[in-house]
Amino acid sequence: MGKAVPFSIPAADYPQFEPGTHVALIAYDTEGLGRRSGDERSFDTVLNTRLFRPVLPIRYRNNITRPDRDETLHGLERRLDDNPGEPGTEGADTLPFNHNGTTYHLPIRFRLFSKRGEKGQRRNFVAYGHALLLTSNGQVHSHWSPQYFKFHTKLNKLYDRILVIVESDTLPIEIRTELFTADRAQLVRSQVAMRLEKEIAAFLNDWPTLRDANNALIREAITGDNNGRPTIAVAEQIARAFKTKGFSLGAVGAGRTGGHNPRPPDPSPPEDLYDDPTHFEGPESVGALAGKVKGVYFKLNGTDGFISRRAQLFVTCDHPDIGDSEITVGELRAGRVRVSIAVPESASLGIYKLKVQIPMWAKTSGGLGPRFEWTTKIEVVDEPSTKRPERNAAKNNAKSGPGDGGLVALIWKSETDDGVEDWTAATVGEIEMVRGKDLAERRPEYAELAKVDTEIPTIVLNRTYSPLKAYIQARAAELTEEGKEQARDRYAVGVGVALLVLDEDARRAEKAGKQLDESAVAAGQRAAARAVLSVMPAYDRLAKELEN
């Protein structure tokens, strides 16, 4: 091994420096930039991502892995366009963003990738740590990491599969200069920048296609293992211990469906959509907050692309502060279309009319199709409504329920099951917010929730969590199969309550704008699980003595 010698050159070669000038060579870790093309940390992937839409193509040569080959990089936008995803994995819309009385239209598009480890996964296209890109002039000026995306949106199952691109070019250059740091690395933590982030997150949360994709992964996660043992009795015991807010099993009328702030409608099956649609409808009334973007959802039984390709959807509002520039129209997907309204912060309060119409259009068989119209009342308020569902209706409809507290659900999984890609043997479990109707579809014991659209706290526990697995194996000689299940039930009660408490703390921190460290939360879950297991042997011996 040779010795390193100081770097030196003749002083005559650089007369601008005095003889004896010390020249220091500082090395730095490139963190994989020399890897072969196609890796999320390789130079070409990083450059393609950061220069999302370059002004000119870029010639690139990797002298480490392919010194004899030149490549032309056109940016990630071109690469995504050249490699389209499966139907339903891409979409585009426009966010109306109001700033100082003027509304700007920010185009947003998304791409959903395959599961990790499968062909077409995100890391094959996108640089490491990029889940959302904020671009200006085609270049990334700020981005969200997958964990940041998971924390700031309700799309908790999409964080490692999604890429969202938000274009800020319609904002005046003066605003963009205030938004981004000089090195184009992140947003300045100004009031307008933080409001923009919140508007983007809310817009994504209410995007029907993304909600459907996230709910599909949640339904996969709550399918449960093959044990088939009912969990509702244990779930009711957890609910009583935690006294969580929710709905009793028989309170099928308590879910918030429709009303003043209806949720996006469920997708229509493909067989119910037609090239020549026949029906159009929307909500009777909605509420909108001043200073926020409001999404209003309409149903049209037409195939994807009918609106904008064959017909136009026009929206007007009689509110004096809401004109055409405050309104954008999204894509027609699965029989639904979103109309987004940027309500100015100084907008007058009161009830107004939102008129939506689709003029006559050309049928595929010839002739003209009917004109569709709908009017929705929109109430502009300055603070969210605190009105809650009427509890008397729930009591009158209730047949049975968990008693004190509300309903929670319990599902057992293992780290090898579908829907839990990031689990290991050290994972205790997690809390999922699942619609009652989805629980009823996947778990027969929750069948009475088939009409409840409200989200229920669902505890998903890892059956093969290593300390639990070791505990069951150690007591296998003493316990029957039923005894093992009863031991798991006791474990589920203690750990389920602990997970609910930790989840409640995390949600409170989120509302306060604080982010809990995921590793600290996981450590708290493991500590709670071990604490429950530590007191179980004595309980088992006592139970065995009582049986005798």
Protein backbone atom coordinates (compact mmCIF):
# COMPACT_ATOMS: atom_id res chain seq x y z
CA MET A 1 0.00 0.00 0.00
CA GLY A 2 1.55 3.25 -1.13
CA LYS A 3 1.80 6.45 0.84
CA ALA A 4 -0.21 9.54 -0.04
CA VAL A 5 1.93 12.52 -0.92
CA PRO A 6 0.95 16.19 -0.75
CA PHE A 7 -0.53 17.61 -3.94
CA SER A 8 1.89 20.04 -5.60
CA ILE A 9 2.29 21.88 -8.90
CA PRO A 10 4.89 24.32 -10.24
CA ALA A 11 4.22 27.88 -9.10
CA ALA A 12 4.84 29.10 -12.66
CA ASP A 13 1.72 27.27 -13.84
CA TYR A 14 -0.51 29.44 -11.62
CA PRO A 15 1.11 32.86 -11.26
CA GLN A 16 -2.00 34.24 -9.51
CA PHE A 17 -0.98 32.30 -6.37
CA GLU A 18 2.11 33.08 -4.33
CA PRO A 19 4.77 30.33 -4.11
CA GLY A 20 4.08 28.07 -1.12
CA THR A 21 0.29 28.41 -1.29
CA HIS A 22 -1.29 25.36 0.34
CA VAL A 23 -3.86 23.56 -1.82
CA ALA A 24 -6.25 21.21 0.02
CA LEU A 25 -8.21 18.45 -1.74
CA ILE A 26 -11.36 17.64 0.22
CA ALA A 27 -13.01 14.30 -0.59
CA TYR A 28 -16.72 13.67 -0.04
CA ASP A 29 -19.00 10.67 -0.12
CA THR A 30 -21.19 10.59 -3.22
CA GLU A 31 -23.61 8.08 -1.58
CA GLY A 32 -23.93 5.82 -4.57
CA LEU A 33 -23.88 8.38 -7.39
CA GLY A 34 -21.51 6.10 -9.24
CA ARG A 35 -23.95 3.21 -9.31
CA ARG A 36 -25.31 1.76 -12.51
CA SER A 37 -28.23 3.48 -14.19
CA GLY A 38 -31.71 2.78 -12.86
CA ASP A 39 -30.88 2.81 -9.13
CA GLU A 40 -32.63 5.37 -6.94
CA ARG A 41 -29.26 6.72 -5.75
CA SER A 42 -27.49 6.72 -9.13
CA PHE A 43 -26.50 10.03 -10.67
CA ASP A 44 -28.80 9.71 -13.68
CA THR A 45 -31.85 8.96 -11.51
CA VAL A 46 -31.10 11.88 -9.20
CA LEU A 47 -30.55 14.23 -12.14
CA ASN A 48 -33.68 13.03 -13.98
CA THR A 49 -35.75 13.60 -10.83
CA ARG A 50 -34.34 16.97 -9.84
CA LEU A 51 -34.37 18.30 -13.43
CA PHE A 52 -37.88 16.97 -13.92
CA ARG A 53 -38.32 18.77 -17.25
CA PRO A 54 -34.89 20.02 -18.42
CA VAL A 55 -34.68 22.80 -20.97
CA LEU A 56 -32.24 20.76 -23.09
CA PRO A 57 -31.39 17.04 -23.13
CA ILE A 58 -28.30 16.19 -21.11
CA ARG A 59 -25.52 13.86 -22.28
CA TYR A 60 -24.28 11.67 -19.45
CA ARG A 61 -21.46 9.16 -19.15
CA ASN A 62 -20.70 7.02 -16.10
CA ASN A 63 -16.92 6.59 -16.23
CA ILE A 64 -17.05 4.14 -13.31
CA THR A 65 -19.49 1.53 -14.62
CA ARG A 66 -19.88 2.33 -18.36
CA PRO A 67 -16.98 4.48 -19.59
CA ASP A 68 -17.65 3.54 -23.22
CA ARG A 69 -21.33 4.53 -23.31
CA ASP A 70 -23.03 7.91 -23.47
CA GLU A 71 -26.65 8.30 -22.38
CA THR A 72 -29.09 11.11 -23.06
CA LEU A 73 -31.18 12.20 -20.09
CA HIS A 74 -34.49 13.92 -20.84
CA GLY A 75 -35.86 14.25 -17.28
CA LEU A 76 -38.28 12.20 -15.23
CA GLU A 77 -41.38 13.67 -16.88
CA ARG A 78 -40.29 12.26 -20.25
CA ARG A 79 -39.43 8.93 -18.67
CA LEU A 80 -42.84 8.63 -17.00
CA ASP A 81 -44.59 9.57 -20.24
CA ASP A 82 -42.59 6.94 -22.13
CA ASN A 83 -43.40 4.30 -19.50
CA PRO A 84 -47.10 4.79 -18.61
CA GLY A 85 -48.58 2.98 -15.64
CA GLU A 86 -51.51 0.60 -15.52
CA PRO A 87 -55.01 2.09 -15.92
CA GLY A 88 -56.00 4.00 -12.78
CA THR A 89 -52.43 4.56 -11.58
CA GLU A 90 -52.11 8.05 -13.05
CA GLY A 91 -54.18 11.18 -12.75
CA ALA A 92 -54.12 14.96 -13.05
CA ASP A 93 -56.07 17.85 -11.55
CA THR A 94 -55.66 21.55 -10.83
CA LEU A 95 -55.40 23.13 -7.37
CA PRO A 96 -56.86 26.67 -7.17
CA PHE A 97 -54.61 28.52 -4.72
CA ASN A 98 -55.75 31.94 -3.53
CA HIS A 99 -53.09 34.40 -2.39
CA ASN A 100 -53.69 38.07 -1.59
CA GLY A 101 -57.03 38.05 -3.36
CA THR A 102 -55.79 36.41 -6.58
CA THR A 103 -56.33 32.74 -7.44
CA TYR A 104 -53.61 30.81 -9.26
CA HIS A 105 -54.11 27.39 -10.87
CA LEU A 106 -51.42 24.86 -9.91
CA PRO A 107 -51.39 21.67 -12.05
CA ILE A 108 -50.96 18.47 -10.02
CA ARG A 109 -50.36 14.98 -11.33
CA PHE A 110 -49.67 11.68 -9.60
CA ARG A 111 -48.26 8.27 -10.44
CA LEU A 112 -48.76 5.14 -8.37
CA PHE A 113 -46.01 2.52 -8.65
CA SER A 114 -45.89 -1.20 -7.92
CA LYS A 115 -45.16 -2.72 -4.53
CA ARG A 116 -41.62 -2.64 -3.28
CA GLY A 117 -39.63 -5.50 -4.77
CA GLU A 118 -41.84 -5.81 -7.84
CA LYS A 119 -41.25 -4.69 -11.41
CA GLY A 120 -42.22 -1.06 -11.84
CA GLN A 121 -41.51 -0.03 -8.25
CA ARG A 122 -40.81 3.62 -7.50
CA ARG A 123 -37.08 3.22 -6.88
CA ASN A 124 -36.62 2.20 -10.54
CA PHE A 125 -37.74 5.66 -11.64
CA VAL A 126 -37.47 8.20 -8.82
CA ALA A 127 -34.53 9.38 -6.74
CA TYR A 128 -34.34 8.26 -3.13
CA GLY A 129 -36.40 10.31 -0.68
CA HIS A 130 -38.76 11.89 -3.21
CA ALA A 131 -42.52 11.31 -2.87
CA LEU A 132 -43.78 14.79 -3.82
CA LEU A 133 -42.06 17.33 -6.05
CA LEU A 134 -42.70 21.08 -6.11
CA THR A 135 -41.34 22.35 -9.42
CA SER A 136 -40.62 25.73 -10.95
CA ASN A 137 -39.56 26.04 -14.60
CA GLY A 138 -39.41 22.27 -14.74
CA GLN A 139 -36.90 21.93 -11.90
CA VAL A 140 -37.53 20.60 -8.40
CA HIS A 141 -37.28 23.42 -5.86
CA SER A 142 -38.70 21.51 -2.89
CA HIS A 143 -39.78 17.96 -2.18
CA TRP A 144 -41.42 15.76 0.43
CA SER A 145 -39.80 12.56 1.58
CA PRO A 146 -41.99 9.44 1.87
CA GLN A 147 -42.12 9.82 5.66
CA TYR A 148 -43.03 13.51 5.34
CA PHE A 149 -45.80 12.55 2.90
CA LYS A 150 -47.08 9.89 5.32
CA PHE A 151 -47.16 12.34 8.21
CA HIS A 152 -48.78 15.25 6.36
CA THR A 153 -51.52 13.37 4.50
CA LYS A 154 -54.15 10.77 5.32
CA LEU A 155 -52.88 8.53 2.54
CA ASN A 156 -50.82 6.46 4.94
CA LYS A 157 -50.61 3.41 2.66
CA LEU A 158 -49.37 5.23 -0.44
CA TYR A 159 -46.27 6.93 0.92
CA ASP A 160 -43.83 4.36 -0.49
CA ARG A 161 -45.59 3.97 -3.86
CA ILE A 162 -46.64 7.45 -4.95
CA LEU A 163 -45.03 10.33 -6.76
CA VAL A 164 -46.89 13.66 -6.86
CA ILE A 165 -45.76 16.58 -9.02
CA VAL A 166 -47.01 20.10 -8.20
CA GLU A 167 -46.12 22.81 -10.74
CA SER A 168 -45.81 26.33 -9.35
CA ASP A 169 -45.11 28.17 -12.64
CA THR A 170 -48.44 30.03 -12.60
CA LEU A 171 -47.36 31.83 -9.42
CA PRO A 172 -45.61 35.15 -10.11
CA ILE A 173 -41.84 34.95 -9.85
CA GLU A 174 -41.94 37.26 -6.82
CA ILE A 175 -44.05 34.73 -4.92
CA ARG A 176 -41.88 31.81 -6.00
CA THR A 177 -38.80 33.67 -4.86
CA GLU A 178 -40.38 34.01 -1.43
CA LEU A 179 -41.47 30.36 -1.38
CA PHE A 180 -38.17 28.57 -2.06
CA THR A 181 -34.72 28.80 -0.50
CA ALA A 182 -31.91 30.18 -2.67
CA ASP A 183 -30.38 26.73 -3.16
CA ARG A 184 -33.72 25.36 -4.44
CA ALA A 185 -33.65 22.68 -1.76
CA GLN A 186 -36.80 23.35 0.26
CA LEU A 187 -39.62 25.72 1.09
CA VAL A 188 -39.00 28.77 3.22
CA ARG A 189 -41.02 28.24 6.39
CA SER A 190 -43.14 31.31 5.74
CA GLN A 191 -46.87 31.62 6.32
CA VAL A 192 -47.72 31.37 2.62
CA ALA A 193 -45.47 28.33 2.14
CA MET A 194 -46.99 26.49 5.09
CA ARG A 195 -50.49 27.31 3.86
CA LEU A 196 -49.58 26.01 0.40
CA GLU A 197 -48.39 22.73 1.90
CA LYS A 198 -51.62 22.36 3.85
CA GLU A 199 -53.70 23.09 0.75
CA ILE A 200 -51.75 20.48 -1.23
CA ALA A 201 -52.20 17.87 1.51
CA ALA A 202 -55.94 18.54 1.79
CA PHE A 203 -56.30 18.41 -2.00
CA LEU A 204 -54.57 15.01 -2.10
CA ASN A 205 -56.57 13.67 0.85
CA ASP A 206 -59.85 14.36 -0.96
CA TRP A 207 -58.73 13.12 -4.39
CA PRO A 208 -61.17 10.23 -4.97
CA THR A 209 -58.75 8.09 -6.99
CA LEU A 210 -56.08 8.34 -4.29
CA ARG A 211 -58.61 7.67 -1.53
CA ASP A 212 -59.75 4.56 -3.40
CA ALA A 213 -56.17 3.34 -3.80
CA ASN A 214 -55.39 3.96 -0.13
CA ASN A 215 -58.62 2.28 1.02
CA ALA A 216 -57.87 -0.73 -1.18
CA LEU A 217 -54.54 -1.20 0.60
CA ILE A 218 -56.24 -0.76 3.98
CA ARG A 219 -58.80 -3.43 3.07
CA GLU A 220 -55.91 -5.69 2.13
CA ALA A 221 -54.26 -4.97 5.47
CA ILE A 222 -57.39 -5.90 7.48
CA THR A 223 -58.12 -9.15 5.66
CA GLY A 224 -56.66 -10.96 8.65
CA ASP A 225 -54.88 -14.28 8.95
CA ASN A 226 -56.38 -17.70 8.33
CA ASN A 227 -57.19 -18.38 11.97
CA GLY A 228 -60.86 -17.49 11.56
CA ARG A 229 -61.38 -16.89 15.29
CA PRO A 230 -63.87 -14.04 15.90
CA THR A 231 -62.26 -11.00 17.47
CA ILE A 232 -65.27 -8.84 18.23
CA ALA A 233 -65.56 -9.82 21.91
CA VAL A 234 -61.92 -8.85 22.50
CA ALA A 235 -62.43 -5.63 20.51
CA GLU A 236 -65.40 -4.71 22.72
CA GLN A 237 -63.28 -5.33 25.82
CA ILE A 238 -60.56 -3.04 24.44
CA ALA A 239 -63.17 -0.38 23.68
CA ARG A 240 -64.50 -0.49 27.22
CA ALA A 241 -60.99 -0.21 28.63
CA PHE A 242 -60.04 2.67 26.39
CA LYS A 243 -63.48 4.34 26.27
CA THR A 244 -62.75 5.42 22.72
CA LYS A 245 -65.19 7.58 20.79
CA GLY A 246 -66.92 5.63 18.08
CA PHE A 247 -70.14 3.82 17.27
CA SER A 248 -71.70 0.80 18.92
CA LEU A 249 -72.11 -2.27 16.77
CA GLY A 250 -75.83 -1.77 16.35
CA ALA A 251 -75.68 1.98 15.66
CA VAL A 252 -75.77 1.60 11.92
CA GLY A 253 -77.59 4.91 11.58
CA ALA A 254 -74.88 6.93 13.26
CA GLY A 255 -72.40 7.07 10.41
CA ARG A 256 -71.92 10.38 8.65
CA THR A 257 -73.15 9.73 5.15
CA GLY A 258 -74.15 12.67 2.98
CA GLY A 259 -75.27 15.80 4.78
CA HIS A 260 -73.76 19.26 4.67
CA ASN A 261 -70.20 18.04 4.03
CA PRO A 262 -70.57 14.75 2.13
CA ARG A 263 -67.61 12.54 1.40
CA PRO A 264 -66.53 11.78 -2.15
CA PRO A 265 -68.95 9.20 -3.59
CA ASP A 266 -67.83 5.62 -3.99
CA PRO A 267 -66.62 4.62 -7.47
CA SER A 268 -69.14 3.21 -9.95
CA PRO A 269 -68.47 -0.29 -11.33
CA PRO A 270 -67.26 -0.22 -14.96
CA GLU A 271 -70.40 -2.07 -16.09
CA ASP A 272 -72.52 0.85 -14.84
CA LEU A 273 -70.66 3.44 -16.93
CA TYR A 274 -71.64 4.22 -20.52
CA ASP A 275 -70.14 5.91 -23.55
CA ASP A 276 -73.37 7.93 -23.73
CA PRO A 277 -74.21 8.80 -20.08
CA THR A 278 -77.78 9.14 -18.89
CA HIS A 279 -77.59 10.44 -15.32
CA PHE A 280 -75.89 13.36 -13.55
CA GLU A 281 -76.23 14.39 -9.90
CA GLY A 282 -74.46 16.11 -7.03
CA PRO A 283 -74.99 17.04 -3.37
CA GLU A 284 -77.92 19.16 -2.31
CA SER A 285 -75.73 21.33 -0.09
CA VAL A 286 -72.13 21.67 1.07
CA GLY A 287 -70.23 23.83 3.51
CA ALA A 288 -67.06 25.74 2.65
CA LEU A 289 -64.54 27.48 4.89
CA ALA A 290 -63.37 30.97 4.00
CA GLY A 291 -59.68 30.88 3.04
CA LYS A 292 -59.77 27.17 2.12
CA VAL A 293 -60.22 25.08 -1.01
CA LYS A 294 -63.50 23.17 -1.10
CA GLY A 295 -63.99 20.06 -3.21
CA VAL A 296 -67.53 19.31 -4.42
CA TYR A 297 -68.15 15.93 -6.02
CA PHE A 298 -70.59 15.08 -8.79
CA LYS A 299 -71.59 11.73 -10.31
CA LEU A 300 -71.99 11.10 -14.03
CA ASN A 301 -72.46 7.56 -15.34
CA GLY A 302 -70.06 8.16 -18.23
CA THR A 303 -66.82 6.40 -19.06
CA ASP A 304 -63.47 7.92 -18.14
CA GLY A 305 -62.52 10.81 -20.36
CA PHE A 306 -66.07 11.71 -21.38
CA ILE A 307 -65.64 15.15 -19.82
CA SER A 308 -63.11 17.27 -21.73
CA ARG A 309 -62.85 14.82 -24.64
CA ARG A 310 -66.48 14.74 -25.72
CA ALA A 311 -68.20 17.23 -23.45
CA GLN A 312 -67.37 20.16 -21.22
CA LEU A 313 -68.44 20.75 -17.62
CA PHE A 314 -69.12 24.40 -16.77
CA VAL A 315 -69.46 25.75 -13.24
CA THR A 316 -70.71 29.12 -12.05
CA CYS A 317 -71.34 30.51 -8.58
CA ASP A 318 -73.44 33.51 -7.58
CA HIS A 319 -71.08 34.33 -4.71
CA PRO A 320 -69.67 37.82 -5.39
CA ASP A 321 -66.12 36.75 -4.48
CA ILE A 322 -66.06 33.45 -6.39
CA GLY A 323 -65.53 33.84 -10.11
CA ASP A 324 -64.29 31.57 -12.88
CA SER A 325 -60.66 31.81 -11.74
CA GLU A 326 -61.59 30.45 -8.29
CA ILE A 327 -63.04 27.24 -9.81
CA THR A 328 -61.28 24.27 -11.40
CA VAL A 329 -62.68 21.01 -12.76
CA GLY A 330 -60.91 17.67 -12.39
CA GLU A 331 -61.02 14.45 -14.37
CA LEU A 332 -64.04 12.17 -14.72
CA ARG A 333 -62.89 8.90 -13.17
CA ALA A 334 -65.05 5.95 -12.14
CA GLY A 335 -68.19 8.05 -12.58
CA ARG A 336 -67.00 10.92 -10.37
CA VAL A 337 -65.69 14.40 -11.04
CA ARG A 338 -64.40 16.95 -8.53
CA VAL A 339 -65.06 20.67 -8.74
CA SER A 340 -62.56 22.62 -6.61
CA ILE A 341 -63.37 26.09 -5.29
CA ALA A 342 -60.77 28.40 -3.74
CA VAL A 343 -62.83 30.44 -1.28
CA PRO A 344 -61.04 33.77 -0.60
CA GLU A 345 -60.18 34.47 3.01
CA SER A 346 -62.24 37.68 2.93
CA ALA A 347 -65.23 36.06 1.18
CA SER A 348 -68.69 37.10 2.32
CA LEU A 349 -70.41 34.55 4.55
CA GLY A 350 -73.78 33.09 3.72
CA ILE A 351 -75.59 30.62 1.47
CA TYR A 352 -75.11 30.81 -2.29
CA LYS A 353 -75.74 28.67 -5.37
CA LEU A 354 -73.27 26.59 -7.34
CA LYS A 355 -74.61 25.77 -10.81
CA VAL A 356 -73.05 22.94 -12.82
CA GLN A 357 -74.01 22.09 -16.37
CA ILE A 358 -72.90 19.91 -19.26
CA PRO A 359 -74.19 21.31 -22.58
CA MET A 360 -75.52 19.02 -25.28
CA TRP A 361 -72.89 16.69 -26.70
CA ALA A 362 -72.51 14.32 -29.66
CA LYS A 363 -73.59 10.71 -29.10
CA THR A 364 -71.45 7.85 -30.37
CA SER A 365 -74.43 6.59 -32.36
CA GLY A 366 -75.15 10.01 -33.85
CA GLY A 367 -77.36 12.87 -32.73
CA LEU A 368 -77.09 15.02 -29.64
CA GLY A 369 -77.10 13.88 -26.04
CA PRO A 370 -79.13 15.60 -23.31
CA ARG A 371 -78.08 18.69 -21.40
CA PHE A 372 -77.21 17.91 -17.76
CA GLU A 373 -77.69 20.44 -14.96
CA TRP A 374 -77.39 20.47 -11.19
CA THR A 375 -77.54 23.18 -8.50
CA THR A 376 -75.87 22.81 -5.12
CA LYS A 377 -76.27 25.19 -2.20
CA ILE A 378 -72.91 26.23 -0.80
CA GLU A 379 -72.68 27.81 2.63
CA VAL A 380 -69.56 29.85 3.27
CA VAL A 381 -68.59 29.95 6.96
CA ASP A 382 -65.58 31.24 8.86
CA GLU A 383 -65.11 28.23 11.15
CA PRO A 384 -65.81 24.48 10.93
CA SER A 385 -69.17 23.18 12.07
CA THR A 386 -69.08 21.42 15.43
CA LYS A 387 -72.44 19.75 14.99
CA ARG A 388 -72.35 16.03 15.77
CA PRO A 389 -74.62 13.17 14.70
CA GLU A 390 -77.75 12.84 16.76
CA ARG A 391 -77.09 10.25 19.44
CA ASN A 392 -80.77 9.49 20.04
CA ALA A 393 -81.01 8.04 16.56
CA ALA A 394 -78.11 5.78 17.33
CA LYS A 395 -79.75 4.61 20.56
CA ASN A 396 -83.05 3.94 18.85
CA ASN A 397 -81.38 1.89 16.12
CA ALA A 398 -78.96 0.05 18.38
CA LYS A 399 -79.59 -3.66 18.86
CA SER A 400 -76.45 -4.45 20.79
CA GLY A 401 -73.09 -2.91 21.34
CA PRO A 402 -69.92 -2.93 23.36
CA GLY A 403 -71.39 -0.98 26.25
CA ASP A 404 -69.15 1.70 27.72
CA GLY A 405 -67.03 3.38 25.11
CA GLY A 406 -67.39 2.99 21.37
CA LEU A 407 -66.51 0.33 18.88
CA VAL A 408 -63.00 -0.62 17.89
CA ALA A 409 -62.02 -3.55 15.71
CA LEU A 410 -59.24 -6.11 16.10
CA ILE A 411 -57.39 -7.94 13.32
CA TRP A 412 -54.51 -10.42 13.59
CA LYS A 413 -51.83 -10.48 10.86
CA SER A 414 -48.24 -11.64 10.45
CA GLU A 415 -45.29 -9.99 8.75
CA THR A 416 -45.52 -12.43 5.84
CA ASP A 417 -49.16 -11.58 4.97
CA ASP A 418 -50.24 -9.29 2.15
CA GLY A 419 -50.81 -5.66 3.05
CA VAL A 420 -48.00 -5.42 5.63
CA GLU A 421 -44.96 -4.89 3.42
CA ASP A 422 -42.90 -2.99 6.01
CA TRP A 423 -43.50 -5.35 8.94
CA THR A 424 -40.81 -7.48 10.55
CA ALA A 425 -40.77 -9.92 13.45
CA ALA A 426 -40.07 -6.89 15.67
CA THR A 427 -43.30 -5.13 14.64
CA VAL A 428 -45.99 -5.08 17.34
CA GLY A 429 -48.81 -3.78 15.13
CA GLU A 430 -50.52 -0.57 14.06
CA ILE A 431 -53.78 1.36 14.15
CA GLU A 432 -55.77 1.74 10.94
CA MET A 433 -58.83 3.94 10.49
CA VAL A 434 -61.22 1.73 8.49
CA ARG A 435 -64.71 2.48 7.25
CA GLY A 436 -67.39 0.35 8.89
CA LYS A 437 -68.59 -0.94 5.52
CA ASP A 438 -65.08 -2.16 4.70
CA LEU A 439 -64.84 -3.99 8.02
CA ALA A 440 -68.19 -5.64 7.34
CA GLU A 441 -67.01 -6.74 3.89
CA ARG A 442 -63.80 -8.34 5.18
CA ARG A 443 -64.83 -9.59 8.63
CA PRO A 444 -68.20 -11.35 9.09
CA GLU A 445 -68.43 -10.52 12.81
CA TYR A 446 -68.74 -6.82 11.89
CA ALA A 447 -71.55 -7.43 9.40
CA GLU A 448 -73.91 -4.97 11.10
CA LEU A 449 -71.59 -2.13 10.08
CA ALA A 450 -72.31 -2.69 6.39
CA LYS A 451 -74.09 0.68 6.10
CA VAL A 452 -71.68 2.70 8.24
CA ASP A 453 -69.32 4.93 6.28
CA THR A 454 -67.61 6.28 9.40
CA GLU A 455 -64.02 5.24 10.08
CA ILE A 456 -63.53 2.83 12.98
CA PRO A 457 -60.21 2.56 14.89
CA THR A 458 -58.91 -0.87 13.92
CA ILE A 459 -56.09 -2.53 15.85
CA VAL A 460 -53.93 -4.72 13.62
CA LEU A 461 -51.64 -6.95 15.72
CA ASN A 462 -48.72 -9.06 14.60
CA ARG A 463 -49.42 -12.69 15.49
CA THR A 464 -45.77 -13.56 14.89
CA TYR A 465 -44.26 -10.70 16.90
CA SER A 466 -41.14 -12.44 18.17
CA PRO A 467 -41.63 -12.00 21.98
CA LEU A 468 -45.28 -13.11 21.69
CA LYS A 469 -44.32 -16.05 19.52
CA ALA A 470 -41.60 -17.05 22.00
CA TYR A 471 -44.05 -16.76 24.89
CA ILE A 472 -46.64 -19.01 23.22
CA GLN A 473 -43.97 -21.58 22.29
CA ALA A 474 -42.61 -21.61 25.85
CA ARG A 475 -46.05 -22.39 27.26
CA ALA A 476 -47.10 -24.79 24.52
CA ALA A 477 -46.74 -27.82 26.78
CA GLU A 478 -49.09 -26.34 29.41
CA LEU A 479 -51.75 -24.80 27.19
CA THR A 480 -54.28 -26.35 24.82
CA GLU A 481 -54.92 -24.73 21.44
CA GLU A 482 -57.85 -22.87 22.98
CA GLY A 483 -55.61 -21.86 25.87
CA LYS A 484 -53.10 -20.38 23.44
CA GLU A 485 -55.84 -18.33 21.77
CA GLN A 486 -57.07 -17.11 25.15
CA ALA A 487 -53.51 -16.05 25.98
CA ARG A 488 -53.37 -14.09 22.72
CA ASP A 489 -56.73 -12.52 23.59
CA ARG A 490 -55.40 -11.29 26.94
CA TYR A 491 -52.29 -9.98 25.21
CA ALA A 492 -54.48 -8.23 22.61
CA VAL A 493 -56.48 -6.38 25.27
CA GLY A 494 -53.41 -4.92 26.97
CA VAL A 495 -51.45 -4.14 23.83
CA GLY A 496 -54.55 -2.90 21.96
CA VAL A 497 -55.24 -0.27 24.61
CA ALA A 498 -51.57 0.79 24.58
CA LEU A 499 -51.56 1.17 20.79
CA LEU A 500 -54.74 3.27 20.92
CA VAL A 501 -53.18 5.55 23.54
CA LEU A 502 -49.99 5.97 21.47
CA ASP A 503 -52.05 6.61 18.33
CA GLU A 504 -54.14 9.23 20.13
CA ASP A 505 -50.96 10.98 21.28
CA ALA A 506 -49.64 10.95 17.70
CA ARG A 507 -52.87 12.48 16.36
CA ARG A 508 -52.81 15.20 19.00
CA ALA A 509 -49.22 15.99 18.10
CA GLU A 510 -50.16 16.11 14.42
CA LYS A 511 -52.93 18.64 15.10
CA ALA A 512 -50.41 20.73 17.00
CA GLY A 513 -48.05 20.63 14.01
CA LYS A 514 -45.54 18.33 15.71
CA GLN A 515 -44.18 15.12 14.28
CA LEU A 516 -43.48 12.17 16.53
CA ASP A 517 -40.37 10.18 15.71
CA GLU A 518 -41.46 6.85 14.21
CA SER A 519 -38.64 4.94 15.87
CA ALA A 520 -39.69 6.35 19.26
CA VAL A 521 -43.32 5.33 18.64
CA ALA A 522 -42.20 1.82 17.64
CA ALA A 523 -40.05 1.61 20.77
CA GLY A 524 -43.06 2.60 22.87
CA GLN A 525 -45.16 -0.10 21.22
CA ARG A 526 -42.51 -2.75 21.91
CA ALA A 527 -42.17 -1.61 25.51
CA ALA A 528 -45.95 -1.88 26.00
CA ALA A 529 -46.05 -5.33 24.42
CA ARG A 530 -43.22 -6.63 26.61
CA ALA A 531 -44.88 -5.16 29.71
CA VAL A 532 -48.10 -7.03 28.94
CA LEU A 533 -46.23 -10.28 28.32
CA SER A 534 -44.27 -9.90 31.56
CA VAL A 535 -47.42 -10.21 33.70
CA MET A 536 -49.09 -12.96 31.70
CA PRO A 537 -47.31 -16.06 33.11
CA ALA A 538 -48.65 -15.38 36.61
CA TYR A 539 -52.13 -14.89 35.16
CA ASP A 540 -51.89 -18.19 33.28
CA ARG A 541 -50.94 -20.11 36.41
CA LEU A 542 -53.80 -18.52 38.34
CA ALA A 543 -56.26 -19.35 35.57
CA LYS A 544 -55.06 -22.96 35.50
CA GLU A 545 -55.51 -23.32 39.27
CA LEU A 546 -59.06 -21.95 39.03
CA GLU A 547 -59.87 -24.47 36.30
CA ASN A 548 -58.80 -27.31 38.60
